[in-house]
C-alpha atoms as a PDB file:
ATOM      1  CA  UNK A   1       9.640  23.028  -0.742  1.00  0.00           C
ATOM      2  CA  UNK A   2       6.253  21.637  -1.823  1.00  0.00           C
ATOM      3  CA  UNK A   3       3.567  20.805   0.702  1.00  0.00           C
ATOM      4  CA  UNK A   4       3.256  17.041   1.153  1.00  0.00           C
ATOM      5  CA  UNK A   5       0.217  15.070   0.107  1.00  0.00           C
ATOM      6  CA  UNK A   6      -0.927  11.565   0.958  1.00  0.00           C
ATOM      7  CA  UNK A   7      -3.083   8.602   0.034  1.00  0.00           C
ATOM      8  CA  UNK A   8      -4.751   6.053   2.299  1.00  0.00           C
ATOM      9  CA  UNK A   9      -5.189   2.285   2.191  1.00  0.00           C
ATOM     10  CA  UNK A  10      -8.099   0.248   3.560  1.00  0.00           C
ATOM     11  CA  UNK A  11      -9.022  -3.425   3.331  1.00  0.00           C
ATOM     12  CA  UNK A  12     -12.376  -5.146   2.764  1.00  0.00           C
ATOM     13  CA  UNK A  13     -14.169  -6.058   6.003  1.00  0.00           C
ATOM     14  CA  UNK A  14     -14.882  -9.665   6.980  1.00  0.00           C
ATOM     15  CA  UNK A  15     -17.420  -9.169   9.774  1.00  0.00           C
ATOM     16  CA  UNK A  16     -20.207  -6.777  10.703  1.00  0.00           C
ATOM     17  CA  UNK A  17     -17.941  -5.161  13.299  1.00  0.00           C
ATOM     18  CA  UNK A  18     -15.098  -4.590  10.845  1.00  0.00           C
ATOM     19  CA  UNK A  19     -17.582  -3.297   8.270  1.00  0.00           C
ATOM     20  CA  UNK A  20     -18.672  -0.652  10.758  1.00  0.00           C
ATOM     21  CA  UNK A  21     -15.034   0.174  11.535  1.00  0.00           C
ATOM     22  CA  UNK A  22     -14.212   0.611   7.844  1.00  0.00           C
ATOM     23  CA  UNK A  23     -17.070   2.977   7.050  1.00  0.00           C
ATOM     24  CA  UNK A  24     -16.511   4.938  10.251  1.00  0.00           C
ATOM     25  CA  UNK A  25     -12.844   5.343   9.318  1.00  0.00           C
ATOM     26  CA  UNK A  26     -13.639   6.387   5.756  1.00  0.00           C
ATOM     27  CA  UNK A  27     -16.142   9.002   6.916  1.00  0.00           C
ATOM     28  CA  UNK A  28     -13.644  10.462   9.376  1.00  0.00           C
ATOM     29  CA  UNK A  29     -10.701  10.464   6.953  1.00  0.00           C
ATOM     30  CA  UNK A  30     -12.364  11.621   3.725  1.00  0.00           C
ATOM     31  CA  UNK A  31     -12.587  15.290   4.869  1.00  0.00           C
ATOM     32  CA  UNK A  32      -8.771  15.451   4.820  1.00  0.00           C
ATOM     33  CA  UNK A  33      -8.991  15.025   1.029  1.00  0.00           C
ATOM     34  CA  UNK A  34      -6.469  12.243   0.381  1.00  0.00           C
ATOM     35  CA  UNK A  35      -5.159  12.021  -3.168  1.00  0.00           C
ATOM     36  CA  UNK A  36      -6.776   8.583  -3.384  1.00  0.00           C
ATOM     37  CA  UNK A  37      -7.951   5.686  -1.217  1.00  0.00           C
ATOM     38  CA  UNK A  38      -6.793   2.204  -2.204  1.00  0.00           C
ATOM     39  CA  UNK A  39      -8.800  -0.929  -1.419  1.00  0.00           C
ATOM     40  CA  UNK A  40      -6.771  -4.102  -0.934  1.00  0.00           C
ATOM     41  CA  UNK A  41      -7.525  -7.738  -1.634  1.00  0.00           C
ATOM     42  CA  UNK A  42      -7.668 -10.302   1.153  1.00  0.00           C
ATOM     43  CA  UNK A  43      -5.556 -13.410   1.632  1.00  0.00           C
ATOM     44  CA  UNK A  44      -5.065 -15.223  -1.645  1.00  0.00           C
ATOM     45  CA  UNK A  45      -6.000 -12.131  -3.598  1.00  0.00           C
ATOM     46  CA  UNK A  46      -9.746 -12.868  -3.456  1.00  0.00           C
ATOM     47  CA  UNK A  47     -11.823 -13.860  -6.446  1.00  0.00           C
ATOM     48  CA  UNK A  48     -12.851 -11.377  -9.130  1.00  0.00           C
ATOM     49  CA  UNK A  49     -16.067  -9.582  -8.203  1.00  0.00           C
ATOM     50  CA  UNK A  50     -15.535 -10.076  -4.466  1.00  0.00           C
ATOM     51  CA  UNK A  51     -15.711  -7.468  -1.722  1.00  0.00           C
ATOM     52  CA  UNK A  52     -12.726  -5.517  -3.075  1.00  0.00           C
ATOM     53  CA  UNK A  53     -14.861  -4.414  -5.998  1.00  0.00           C
ATOM     54  CA  UNK A  54     -17.913  -3.843  -3.805  1.00  0.00           C
ATOM     55  CA  UNK A  55     -15.976  -1.732  -1.301  1.00  0.00           C
ATOM     56  CA  UNK A  56     -14.183   0.201  -4.048  1.00  0.00           C
ATOM     57  CA  UNK A  57     -17.455   1.123  -5.756  1.00  0.00           C
ATOM     58  CA  UNK A  58     -19.149   2.229  -2.538  1.00  0.00           C
ATOM     59  CA  UNK A  59     -16.015   4.065  -1.387  1.00  0.00           C
ATOM     60  CA  UNK A  60     -15.907   5.984  -4.659  1.00  0.00           C
ATOM     61  CA  UNK A  61     -19.450   7.219  -4.006  1.00  0.00           C
ATOM     62  CA  UNK A  62     -19.144   7.941  -0.284  1.00  0.00           C
ATOM     63  CA  UNK A  63     -15.588   9.223   0.147  1.00  0.00           C
ATOM     64  CA  UNK A  64     -15.799  11.716  -2.722  1.00  0.00           C
ATOM     65  CA  UNK A  65     -12.186  11.123  -3.730  1.00  0.00           C
ATOM     66  CA  UNK A  66     -10.497   8.872  -6.313  1.00  0.00           C
ATOM     67  CA  UNK A  67     -10.343   5.176  -5.447  1.00  0.00           C
ATOM     68  CA  UNK A  68      -7.650   2.681  -6.436  1.00  0.00           C
ATOM     69  CA  UNK A  69      -8.612  -0.987  -6.579  1.00  0.00           C
ATOM     70  CA  UNK A  70      -6.067  -3.711  -5.920  1.00  0.00           C
ATOM     71  CA  UNK A  71      -5.835  -6.536  -8.458  1.00  0.00           C
ATOM     72  CA  UNK A  72      -3.656  -9.625  -8.054  1.00  0.00           C
ATOM     73  CA  UNK A  73      -2.458 -12.183 -10.573  1.00  0.00           C
ATOM     74  CA  UNK A  74      -3.554 -15.053  -8.325  1.00  0.00           C
ATOM     75  CA  UNK A  75      -7.169 -13.917  -8.023  1.00  0.00           C
ATOM     76  CA  UNK A  76      -8.440 -14.961 -11.441  1.00  0.00           C
ATOM     77  CA  UNK A  77      -7.805 -16.067 -14.984  1.00  0.00           C
ATOM     78  CA  UNK A  78      -6.575 -13.612 -17.582  1.00  0.00           C
ATOM     79  CA  UNK A  79     -10.058 -13.097 -18.977  1.00  0.00           C
ATOM     80  CA  UNK A  80     -11.624 -12.724 -15.516  1.00  0.00           C
ATOM     81  CA  UNK A  81      -9.122 -10.038 -14.557  1.00  0.00           C
ATOM     82  CA  UNK A  82      -9.466  -8.205 -17.858  1.00  0.00           C
ATOM     83  CA  UNK A  83     -13.249  -8.194 -17.486  1.00  0.00           C
ATOM     84  CA  UNK A  84     -12.857  -6.886 -13.941  1.00  0.00           C
ATOM     85  CA  UNK A  85     -10.621  -4.117 -15.287  1.00  0.00           C
ATOM     86  CA  UNK A  86     -13.229  -3.201 -17.886  1.00  0.00           C
ATOM     87  CA  UNK A  87     -15.874  -3.114 -15.147  1.00  0.00           C
ATOM     88  CA  UNK A  88     -13.702  -0.779 -13.064  1.00  0.00           C
ATOM     89  CA  UNK A  89     -13.127   1.562 -15.999  1.00  0.00           C
ATOM     90  CA  UNK A  90     -16.838   1.706 -16.783  1.00  0.00           C
ATOM     91  CA  UNK A  91     -17.502   2.461 -13.096  1.00  0.00           C
ATOM     92  CA  UNK A  92     -15.073   5.403 -13.266  1.00  0.00           C
ATOM     93  CA  UNK A  93     -12.372   3.699 -11.196  1.00  0.00           C
ATOM     94  CA  UNK A  94      -9.284   4.583 -13.191  1.00  0.00           C
ATOM     95  CA  UNK A  95      -6.485   3.611 -10.779  1.00  0.00           C
ATOM     96  CA  UNK A  96      -5.342   0.016 -10.236  1.00  0.00           C
ATOM     97  CA  UNK A  97      -2.744  -1.299  -7.789  1.00  0.00           C
ATOM     98  CA  UNK A  98      -1.361  -4.290  -9.716  1.00  0.00           C
ATOM     99  CA  UNK A  99       0.225  -7.044  -7.630  1.00  0.00           C
ATOM    100  CA  UNK A 100       1.349 -10.629  -8.014  1.00  0.00           C
ATOM    101  CA  UNK A 101      -0.314 -11.813  -4.822  1.00  0.00           C
ATOM    102  CA  UNK A 102       0.235 -15.032  -2.891  1.00  0.00           C
ATOM    103  CA  UNK A 103      -1.871 -18.152  -2.635  1.00  0.00           C
ATOM    104  CA  UNK A 104      -2.492 -19.437   0.909  1.00  0.00           C
ATOM    105  CA  UNK A 105      -0.699 -22.684   1.602  1.00  0.00           C
ATOM    106  CA  UNK A 106       1.973 -22.260  -1.075  1.00  0.00           C
ATOM    107  CA  UNK A 107       5.508 -22.295   0.304  1.00  0.00           C
ATOM    108  CA  UNK A 108       6.823 -21.013  -3.014  1.00  0.00           C
ATOM    109  CA  UNK A 109       4.819 -19.007  -5.497  1.00  0.00           C
ATOM    110  CA  UNK A 110       3.394 -20.973  -8.423  1.00  0.00           C
ATOM    111  CA  UNK A 111       1.590 -19.021 -11.173  1.00  0.00           C
ATOM    112  CA  UNK A 112      -1.883 -20.024 -12.282  1.00  0.00           C
ATOM    113  CA  UNK A 113      -1.943 -21.903 -15.575  1.00  0.00           C
ATOM    114  CA  UNK A 114      -4.716 -19.648 -16.884  1.00  0.00           C
ATOM    115  CA  UNK A 115      -3.527 -16.396 -15.326  1.00  0.00           C
ATOM    116  CA  UNK A 116      -0.866 -13.735 -15.463  1.00  0.00           C
ATOM    117  CA  UNK A 117       2.351 -15.074 -13.982  1.00  0.00           C
ATOM    118  CA  UNK A 118       3.726 -11.809 -12.585  1.00  0.00           C
ATOM    119  CA  UNK A 119       2.643  -8.224 -12.029  1.00  0.00           C
ATOM    120  CA  UNK A 120       4.491  -6.857 -15.067  1.00  0.00           C
ATOM    121  CA  UNK A 121       2.263  -9.005 -17.298  1.00  0.00           C
ATOM    122  CA  UNK A 122      -0.828  -7.723 -15.492  1.00  0.00           C
ATOM    123  CA  UNK A 123       0.334  -4.108 -15.831  1.00  0.00           C
ATOM    124  CA  UNK A 124       0.891  -4.477 -19.576  1.00  0.00           C
ATOM    125  CA  UNK A 125      -2.529  -6.093 -20.050  1.00  0.00           C
ATOM    126  CA  UNK A 126      -4.277  -3.381 -18.025  1.00  0.00           C
ATOM    127  CA  UNK A 127      -2.703  -0.708 -20.205  1.00  0.00           C
ATOM    128  CA  UNK A 128      -4.183  -2.458 -23.242  1.00  0.00           C
ATOM    129  CA  UNK A 129      -7.659  -2.346 -21.671  1.00  0.00           C
ATOM    130  CA  UNK A 130      -7.524   1.394 -20.954  1.00  0.00           C
ATOM    131  CA  UNK A 131      -5.170   4.156 -19.879  1.00  0.00           C
ATOM    132  CA  UNK A 132      -5.265   3.229 -16.196  1.00  0.00           C
ATOM    133  CA  UNK A 133      -3.167   4.984 -13.582  1.00  0.00           C
ATOM    134  CA  UNK A 134      -1.228   1.977 -12.260  1.00  0.00           C
ATOM    135  CA  UNK A 135       0.649   1.564  -8.995  1.00  0.00           C
ATOM    136  CA  UNK A 136       2.864  -1.406  -8.171  1.00  0.00           C
ATOM    137  CA  UNK A 137       4.662  -2.596  -5.056  1.00  0.00           C
ATOM    138  CA  UNK A 138       8.275  -1.963  -4.101  1.00  0.00           C
ATOM    139  CA  UNK A 139      10.287  -3.569  -1.318  1.00  0.00           C
ATOM    140  CA  UNK A 140      13.012  -1.380   0.235  1.00  0.00           C
ATOM    141  CA  UNK A 141      14.350  -4.326   2.238  1.00  0.00           C
ATOM    142  CA  UNK A 142      13.757  -6.922  -0.462  1.00  0.00           C
ATOM    143  CA  UNK A 143      10.849  -9.241  -1.229  1.00  0.00           C
ATOM    144  CA  UNK A 144      10.980 -12.573   0.641  1.00  0.00           C
ATOM    145  CA  UNK A 145      11.058 -14.390  -2.728  1.00  0.00           C
ATOM    146  CA  UNK A 146      13.878 -12.295  -4.224  1.00  0.00           C
ATOM    147  CA  UNK A 147      17.395 -13.690  -4.199  1.00  0.00           C
ATOM    148  CA  UNK A 148      18.999 -10.234  -4.119  1.00  0.00           C
ATOM    149  CA  UNK A 149      18.188  -6.544  -4.320  1.00  0.00           C
ATOM    150  CA  UNK A 150      19.629  -6.472  -7.837  1.00  0.00           C
ATOM    151  CA  UNK A 151      17.077  -9.095  -8.905  1.00  0.00           C
ATOM    152  CA  UNK A 152      14.362  -7.172  -7.078  1.00  0.00           C
ATOM    153  CA  UNK A 153      15.214  -3.994  -8.986  1.00  0.00           C
ATOM    154  CA  UNK A 154      15.409  -5.887 -12.269  1.00  0.00           C
ATOM    155  CA  UNK A 155      11.854  -7.090 -11.777  1.00  0.00           C
ATOM    156  CA  UNK A 156      10.713  -3.657 -10.587  1.00  0.00           C
ATOM    157  CA  UNK A 157      12.022  -2.150 -13.827  1.00  0.00           C
ATOM    158  CA  UNK A 158       9.933  -4.644 -15.804  1.00  0.00           C
ATOM    159  CA  UNK A 159       6.824  -3.397 -14.008  1.00  0.00           C
ATOM    160  CA  UNK A 160       7.728   0.225 -14.657  1.00  0.00           C
ATOM    161  CA  UNK A 161       8.562  -0.439 -18.305  1.00  0.00           C
ATOM    162  CA  UNK A 162       5.212  -2.223 -18.693  1.00  0.00           C
ATOM    163  CA  UNK A 163       3.434   0.998 -17.747  1.00  0.00           C
ATOM    164  CA  UNK A 164       3.388   1.436 -13.968  1.00  0.00           C
ATOM    165  CA  UNK A 165       3.151   5.098 -12.942  1.00  0.00           C
ATOM    166  CA  UNK A 166       4.230   4.784  -9.330  1.00  0.00           C
ATOM    167  CA  UNK A 167       5.833   2.402  -6.864  1.00  0.00           C
ATOM    168  CA  UNK A 168       4.278   2.183  -3.398  1.00  0.00           C
ATOM    169  CA  UNK A 169       6.707   0.641  -0.953  1.00  0.00           C
ATOM    170  CA  UNK A 170       6.304  -1.935   1.741  1.00  0.00           C
ATOM    171  CA  UNK A 171       6.291  -0.267   5.146  1.00  0.00           C
ATOM    172  CA  UNK A 172       9.583   0.489   6.897  1.00  0.00           C
ATOM    173  CA  UNK A 173      10.636   2.348  10.036  1.00  0.00           C
ATOM    174  CA  UNK A 174      14.071   3.776   9.287  1.00  0.00           C
ATOM    175  CA  UNK A 175      13.779   6.665   6.781  1.00  0.00           C
ATOM    176  CA  UNK A 176      17.315   5.956   5.584  1.00  0.00           C
ATOM    177  CA  UNK A 177      16.117   2.561   4.334  1.00  0.00           C
ATOM    178  CA  UNK A 178      13.693   4.320   1.997  1.00  0.00           C
ATOM    179  CA  UNK A 179      16.193   6.954   0.871  1.00  0.00           C
ATOM    180  CA  UNK A 180      18.795   4.316  -0.044  1.00  0.00           C
ATOM    181  CA  UNK A 181      16.122   2.375  -1.911  1.00  0.00           C
ATOM    182  CA  UNK A 182      14.984   5.478  -3.801  1.00  0.00           C
ATOM    183  CA  UNK A 183      18.571   6.101  -4.885  1.00  0.00           C
ATOM    184  CA  UNK A 184      18.963   2.511  -6.109  1.00  0.00           C
ATOM    185  CA  UNK A 185      15.671   2.685  -8.005  1.00  0.00           C
ATOM    186  CA  UNK A 186      16.830   5.846  -9.772  1.00  0.00           C
ATOM    187  CA  UNK A 187      20.247   4.327 -10.502  1.00  0.00           C
ATOM    188  CA  UNK A 188      18.487   1.359 -12.122  1.00  0.00           C
ATOM    189  CA  UNK A 189      16.911   3.725 -14.644  1.00  0.00           C
ATOM    190  CA  UNK A 190      13.401   3.425 -13.223  1.00  0.00           C
ATOM    191  CA  UNK A 191      11.445   6.631 -13.819  1.00  0.00           C
ATOM    192  CA  UNK A 192       8.252   5.825 -11.884  1.00  0.00           C
ATOM    193  CA  UNK A 193       7.596   7.825  -8.716  1.00  0.00           C
ATOM    194  CA  UNK A 194       8.608   6.022  -5.513  1.00  0.00           C
ATOM    195  CA  UNK A 195       6.072   6.561  -2.728  1.00  0.00           C
ATOM    196  CA  UNK A 196       6.895   5.566   0.869  1.00  0.00           C
ATOM    197  CA  UNK A 197       4.340   3.321   2.527  1.00  0.00           C
ATOM    198  CA  UNK A 198       3.977   4.174   6.228  1.00  0.00           C
ATOM    199  CA  UNK A 199       2.350   1.967   8.852  1.00  0.00           C
ATOM    200  CA  UNK A 200       0.877   3.426  12.060  1.00  0.00           C
ATOM    201  CA  UNK A 201       1.990   1.306  15.016  1.00  0.00           C
ATOM    202  CA  UNK A 202      -1.404   0.497  16.516  1.00  0.00           C
ATOM    203  CA  UNK A 203      -0.067  -2.497  18.432  1.00  0.00           C
ATOM    204  CA  UNK A 204       3.697  -2.856  18.686  1.00  0.00           C
ATOM    205  CA  UNK A 205       3.683  -6.571  19.562  1.00  0.00           C
ATOM    206  CA  UNK A 206       1.460  -7.480  16.610  1.00  0.00           C
ATOM    207  CA  UNK A 207       3.393  -5.162  14.340  1.00  0.00           C
ATOM    208  CA  UNK A 208       6.742  -6.832  15.078  1.00  0.00           C
ATOM    209  CA  UNK A 209       5.308 -10.246  14.197  1.00  0.00           C
ATOM    210  CA  UNK A 210       3.867  -8.843  10.970  1.00  0.00           C
ATOM    211  CA  UNK A 211       7.152  -7.100  10.142  1.00  0.00           C
ATOM    212  CA  UNK A 212       9.040 -10.381  10.480  1.00  0.00           C
ATOM    213  CA  UNK A 213       6.747 -12.011   7.905  1.00  0.00           C
ATOM    214  CA  UNK A 214       7.248  -9.052   5.551  1.00  0.00           C
ATOM    215  CA  UNK A 215      11.045  -8.993   5.940  1.00  0.00           C
ATOM    216  CA  UNK A 216      10.826  -5.495   7.454  1.00  0.00           C
ATOM    217  CA  UNK A 217      13.451  -4.630  10.057  1.00  0.00           C
ATOM    218  CA  UNK A 218      12.370  -3.057  13.342  1.00  0.00           C
ATOM    219  CA  UNK A 219      15.128  -0.828  14.800  1.00  0.00           C
ATOM    220  CA  UNK A 220      16.273  -1.658  18.306  1.00  0.00           C
ATOM    221  CA  UNK A 221      15.357   1.802  19.567  1.00  0.00           C
ATOM    222  CA  UNK A 222      11.689   1.068  18.797  1.00  0.00           C
ATOM    223  CA  UNK A 223      11.802  -2.044  20.956  1.00  0.00           C
ATOM    224  CA  UNK A 224      13.169   0.086  23.785  1.00  0.00           C
ATOM    225  CA  UNK A 225      10.589   2.838  23.219  1.00  0.00           C
ATOM    226  CA  UNK A 226       7.643   0.447  23.467  1.00  0.00           C
ATOM    227  CA  UNK A 227       9.041  -1.728  26.256  1.00  0.00           C
ATOM    228  CA  UNK A 228       6.371  -2.061  28.941  1.00  0.00           C
ATOM    229  CA  UNK A 229       3.858   0.043  26.974  1.00  0.00           C
ATOM    230  CA  UNK A 230       0.532  -1.645  26.263  1.00  0.00           C
ATOM    231  CA  UNK A 231      -1.393  -0.991  23.057  1.00  0.00           C
ATOM    232  CA  UNK A 232      -4.305   0.525  25.017  1.00  0.00           C
ATOM    233  CA  UNK A 233      -2.090   3.084  26.758  1.00  0.00           C
ATOM    234  CA  UNK A 234      -2.196   6.713  25.647  1.00  0.00           C
ATOM    235  CA  UNK A 235       1.616   6.594  25.666  1.00  0.00           C
ATOM    236  CA  UNK A 236       1.472   3.964  22.915  1.00  0.00           C
ATOM    237  CA  UNK A 237      -0.518   6.290  20.652  1.00  0.00           C
ATOM    238  CA  UNK A 238       1.773   9.228  21.416  1.00  0.00           C
ATOM    239  CA  UNK A 239       4.838   7.159  20.559  1.00  0.00           C
ATOM    240  CA  UNK A 240       3.230   5.939  17.332  1.00  0.00           C
ATOM    241  CA  UNK A 241       2.399   9.500  16.313  1.00  0.00           C
ATOM    242  CA  UNK A 242       5.956  10.575  17.099  1.00  0.00           C
ATOM    243  CA  UNK A 243       7.353   7.818  14.863  1.00  0.00           C
ATOM    244  CA  UNK A 244       5.174   8.808  11.915  1.00  0.00           C
ATOM    245  CA  UNK A 245       5.863  12.522  12.266  1.00  0.00           C
ATOM    246  CA  UNK A 246       9.609  11.822  12.412  1.00  0.00           C
ATOM    247  CA  UNK A 247       9.461   9.637   9.287  1.00  0.00           C
ATOM    248  CA  UNK A 248       7.447  12.187   7.324  1.00  0.00           C
ATOM    249  CA  UNK A 249       9.562  15.159   8.425  1.00  0.00           C
ATOM    250  CA  UNK A 250      12.840  13.406   7.622  1.00  0.00           C
ATOM    251  CA  UNK A 251      11.651  12.227   4.216  1.00  0.00           C
ATOM    252  CA  UNK A 252      10.136  15.607   3.365  1.00  0.00           C
ATOM    253  CA  UNK A 253      13.501  17.290   3.951  1.00  0.00           C
ATOM    254  CA  UNK A 254      14.872  14.905   1.302  1.00  0.00           C
ATOM    255  CA  UNK A 255      12.298  15.957  -1.273  1.00  0.00           C
ATOM    256  CA  UNK A 256       9.614  13.342  -0.627  1.00  0.00           C
ATOM    257  CA  UNK A 257       6.241  15.009  -1.053  1.00  0.00           C
ATOM    258  CA  UNK A 258       3.846  12.070  -1.184  1.00  0.00           C
ATOM    259  CA  UNK A 259       3.092   9.417   1.424  1.00  0.00           C
ATOM    260  CA  UNK A 260       0.877   6.315   1.426  1.00  0.00           C
ATOM    261  CA  UNK A 261      -0.647   5.563   4.837  1.00  0.00           C
ATOM    262  CA  UNK A 262      -1.723   2.025   5.709  1.00  0.00           C
ATOM    263  CA  UNK A 263      -4.753   2.802   7.897  1.00  0.00           C
ATOM    264  CA  UNK A 264      -5.567  -0.766   9.010  1.00  0.00           C
ATOM    265  CA  UNK A 265      -9.183   0.498   8.873  1.00  0.00           C
ATOM    266  CA  UNK A 266      -8.618   2.484  12.069  1.00  0.00           C
ATOM    267  CA  UNK A 267      -9.077   6.221  11.884  1.00  0.00           C
ATOM    268  CA  UNK A 268      -7.833   7.631  15.184  1.00  0.00           C
ATOM    269  CA  UNK A 269      -4.077   7.679  14.643  1.00  0.00           C
ATOM    270  CA  UNK A 270      -4.327   8.182  10.882  1.00  0.00           C
ATOM    271  CA  UNK A 271      -6.698  11.095  11.449  1.00  0.00           C
ATOM    272  CA  UNK A 272      -4.149  12.816  13.685  1.00  0.00           C
ATOM    273  CA  UNK A 273      -1.423  12.237  11.094  1.00  0.00           C
ATOM    274  CA  UNK A 274      -3.579  13.638   8.279  1.00  0.00           C
ATOM    275  CA  UNK A 275      -4.429  16.712  10.344  1.00  0.00           C
ATOM    276  CA  UNK A 276      -0.759  17.193  11.207  1.00  0.00           C
ATOM    277  CA  UNK A 277       0.320  16.908   7.543  1.00  0.00           C
ATOM    278  CA  UNK A 278      -2.299  19.433   6.455  1.00  0.00           C
ATOM    279  CA  UNK A 279      -1.321  21.955   9.148  1.00  0.00           C
ATOM    280  CA  UNK A 280       2.413  21.487   9.757  1.00  0.00           C
ATOM    281  CA  UNK A 281       3.801  22.192   6.286  1.00  0.00           C
END
């Protein structure tokens, strides 16, 4: 059985304090040699040339590992996004995470008149710019805008057929959810690698609210585990580490050898997970 590997995700900082937290986290996590570090966009996808690009360029220099930059359909016109892609390629950033994105204040998604409507269009256009390594999003429990999992998989296949190399999933907590999803993706004829996205539980109360917005189920046993445990307690961190190690171990026994860790720009728990992955297998 192959040793597992992993990638990390960070987001652009909004304040001086979060800037410090991001660079501290990147310095502490880079020595574990992740396969790549992805840099997200903020709410609304951000405008082309915003802090996503700035952070990605600096991260590529400081972290000494490949960087993947997120790009969203909502963040610019076709020409703006294509120019951004050309800028990334010239800056030696060769991996893009291509997403539809959401505009703040929209109850239902409405494409820009001058932009790419959906991620499959963006993927196809990026492949025309250069031979990017392209990741896209997958939703094991369905996207909030999808009417059914069949429709979700139909759209996912369009992204893969357009040139996506891998599918990074929304976070989940039950490994069986991912394994069922992986089977359905394969049955749909989608050849792209399916990578589980794992979220460290830094604050259980905040996480449950976030999970509800993302249509991610939280098993009842987790509610019982964290009952009466505050986020600052050492027990909270131990429980969070236990959850991640269980997810990774279970998935690894089923042939999953790559994991994407959503760091939330905090290094402590992710650092322990990275060290455990490097030493336990």
